[in-house]
Amino acid sequence: IGQLMAWRYYPVCNTPCRTGGHVQTCCRVHGFGDGYCGWGGNYAMCG
């Protein structure tokens, strides 16, 4: 999955970490520095 296409497969990628709520983990923790989040244990490839 390309980073440019990731938003289609990982909609939660468009949800900022600072919103909190149901979002548990930020992509930056898994090596992504864009400040967006992954869903639970699944990390979306936010480029």
N, C-alpha and C. Protein backbone atom coordinates (compact mmCIF):
# COMPACT_ATOMS: atom_id res chain seq x y z
N ILE A 1 0.85 -1.20 0.00
CA ILE A 1 0.00 0.00 0.00
C ILE A 1 0.88 1.25 0.00
N GLY A 2 0.72 2.08 -0.99
CA GLY A 2 1.51 3.31 -1.07
C GLY A 2 1.06 4.32 -0.04
N GLN A 3 1.96 5.17 0.36
CA GLN A 3 1.65 6.16 1.38
C GLN A 3 0.59 7.14 0.90
N LEU A 4 0.60 7.41 -0.41
CA LEU A 4 -0.37 8.35 -0.95
C LEU A 4 -1.77 7.73 -1.01
N MET A 5 -1.82 6.40 -1.02
CA MET A 5 -3.10 5.72 -1.11
C MET A 5 -3.58 5.22 0.25
N ALA A 6 -2.75 5.42 1.27
CA ALA A 6 -3.02 4.87 2.59
C ALA A 6 -4.34 5.39 3.17
N TRP A 7 -4.71 6.61 2.81
CA TRP A 7 -5.92 7.21 3.37
C TRP A 7 -7.16 6.43 2.96
N ARG A 8 -7.08 5.70 1.86
CA ARG A 8 -8.23 4.92 1.40
C ARG A 8 -8.42 3.68 2.26
N TYR A 9 -7.30 3.14 2.73
CA TYR A 9 -7.35 1.90 3.51
C TYR A 9 -7.34 2.18 5.01
N TYR A 10 -6.83 3.35 5.38
CA TYR A 10 -6.76 3.72 6.79
C TYR A 10 -7.36 5.10 7.00
N PRO A 11 -8.70 5.21 7.00
CA PRO A 11 -9.39 6.49 7.17
C PRO A 11 -8.99 7.20 8.45
N VAL A 12 -8.66 6.43 9.49
CA VAL A 12 -8.32 7.01 10.79
C VAL A 12 -7.03 7.80 10.70
N CYS A 13 -6.28 7.61 9.61
CA CYS A 13 -5.06 8.35 9.38
C CYS A 13 -5.35 9.84 9.29
N ASN A 14 -6.56 10.18 8.93
CA ASN A 14 -6.94 11.58 8.78
C ASN A 14 -7.38 12.19 10.10
N THR A 15 -7.34 11.39 11.17
CA THR A 15 -7.75 11.88 12.48
C THR A 15 -6.52 12.29 13.29
N PRO A 16 -6.38 13.57 13.62
CA PRO A 16 -5.23 14.06 14.38
C PRO A 16 -5.13 13.42 15.75
N CYS A 17 -3.90 13.19 16.22
CA CYS A 17 -3.68 12.56 17.52
C CYS A 17 -4.27 13.40 18.64
N ARG A 18 -4.20 14.70 18.48
CA ARG A 18 -4.59 15.59 19.56
C ARG A 18 -6.09 15.55 19.84
N THR A 19 -6.86 14.89 18.97
CA THR A 19 -8.30 14.78 19.20
C THR A 19 -8.60 13.74 20.27
N GLY A 20 -7.66 12.76 20.43
CA GLY A 20 -7.87 11.73 21.45
C GLY A 20 -9.05 10.85 21.10
N GLY A 21 -9.90 10.58 22.11
CA GLY A 21 -11.08 9.77 21.87
C GLY A 21 -10.75 8.30 21.69
N HIS A 22 -11.26 7.68 20.60
CA HIS A 22 -11.08 6.26 20.40
C HIS A 22 -9.71 5.94 19.82
N VAL A 23 -8.99 6.98 19.39
CA VAL A 23 -7.66 6.77 18.83
C VAL A 23 -6.68 6.49 19.95
N GLN A 24 -5.96 5.38 19.83
CA GLN A 24 -5.11 4.94 20.92
C GLN A 24 -3.63 5.24 20.69
N THR A 25 -3.17 5.08 19.45
CA THR A 25 -1.74 5.18 19.20
C THR A 25 -1.44 6.08 18.01
N CYS A 26 -0.40 6.89 18.14
CA CYS A 26 -0.01 7.79 17.06
C CYS A 26 1.00 7.15 16.14
N CYS A 27 0.94 7.51 14.87
CA CYS A 27 1.87 6.96 13.89
C CYS A 27 3.31 7.32 14.24
N ARG A 28 3.50 8.47 14.86
CA ARG A 28 4.84 8.94 15.18
C ARG A 28 5.55 7.98 16.13
N VAL A 29 4.79 7.27 16.93
CA VAL A 29 5.36 6.30 17.86
C VAL A 29 5.98 5.14 17.10
N HIS A 30 5.42 4.87 15.91
CA HIS A 30 5.87 3.74 15.13
C HIS A 30 6.79 4.17 14.00
N GLY A 31 7.31 5.39 14.12
CA GLY A 31 8.29 5.86 13.16
C GLY A 31 7.74 6.87 12.16
N PHE A 32 6.50 7.30 12.36
CA PHE A 32 5.93 8.29 11.46
C PHE A 32 5.83 9.63 12.17
N GLY A 33 6.30 10.68 11.57
CA GLY A 33 6.36 11.97 12.24
C GLY A 33 5.33 12.96 11.75
N ASP A 34 4.22 12.48 11.19
CA ASP A 34 3.23 13.40 10.65
C ASP A 34 2.20 13.81 11.70
N GLY A 35 2.24 13.18 12.86
CA GLY A 35 1.33 13.55 13.93
C GLY A 35 -0.07 13.00 13.77
N TYR A 36 -0.22 11.93 12.97
CA TYR A 36 -1.52 11.31 12.82
C TYR A 36 -1.55 9.93 13.47
N CYS A 37 -2.73 9.37 13.63
CA CYS A 37 -2.86 8.19 14.46
C CYS A 37 -3.24 6.93 13.70
N GLY A 38 -2.94 5.80 14.33
CA GLY A 38 -3.36 4.51 13.81
C GLY A 38 -4.49 3.98 14.67
N TRP A 39 -5.21 2.98 14.16
CA TRP A 39 -6.35 2.44 14.91
C TRP A 39 -5.90 1.27 15.76
N GLY A 40 -5.92 1.44 17.08
CA GLY A 40 -5.53 0.36 17.98
C GLY A 40 -4.10 -0.06 17.75
N GLY A 41 -3.88 -1.34 17.47
CA GLY A 41 -2.53 -1.85 17.27
C GLY A 41 -2.12 -1.80 15.82
N ASN A 42 -3.04 -1.42 14.93
CA ASN A 42 -2.73 -1.35 13.50
C ASN A 42 -2.25 0.05 13.14
N TYR A 43 -1.00 0.12 12.69
CA TYR A 43 -0.44 1.43 12.38
C TYR A 43 -0.60 1.75 10.91
N ALA A 44 -1.29 2.84 10.63
CA ALA A 44 -1.46 3.26 9.25
C ALA A 44 -0.19 3.94 8.76
N MET A 45 0.14 3.75 7.48
CA MET A 45 1.35 4.33 6.94
C MET A 45 1.09 5.74 6.46
N CYS A 46 1.05 6.67 7.39
CA CYS A 46 0.85 8.08 7.04
C CYS A 46 2.17 8.67 6.62
N GLY A 47 2.27 9.13 5.40
CA GLY A 47 3.52 9.64 4.90
C GLY A 47 3.70 11.11 5.21
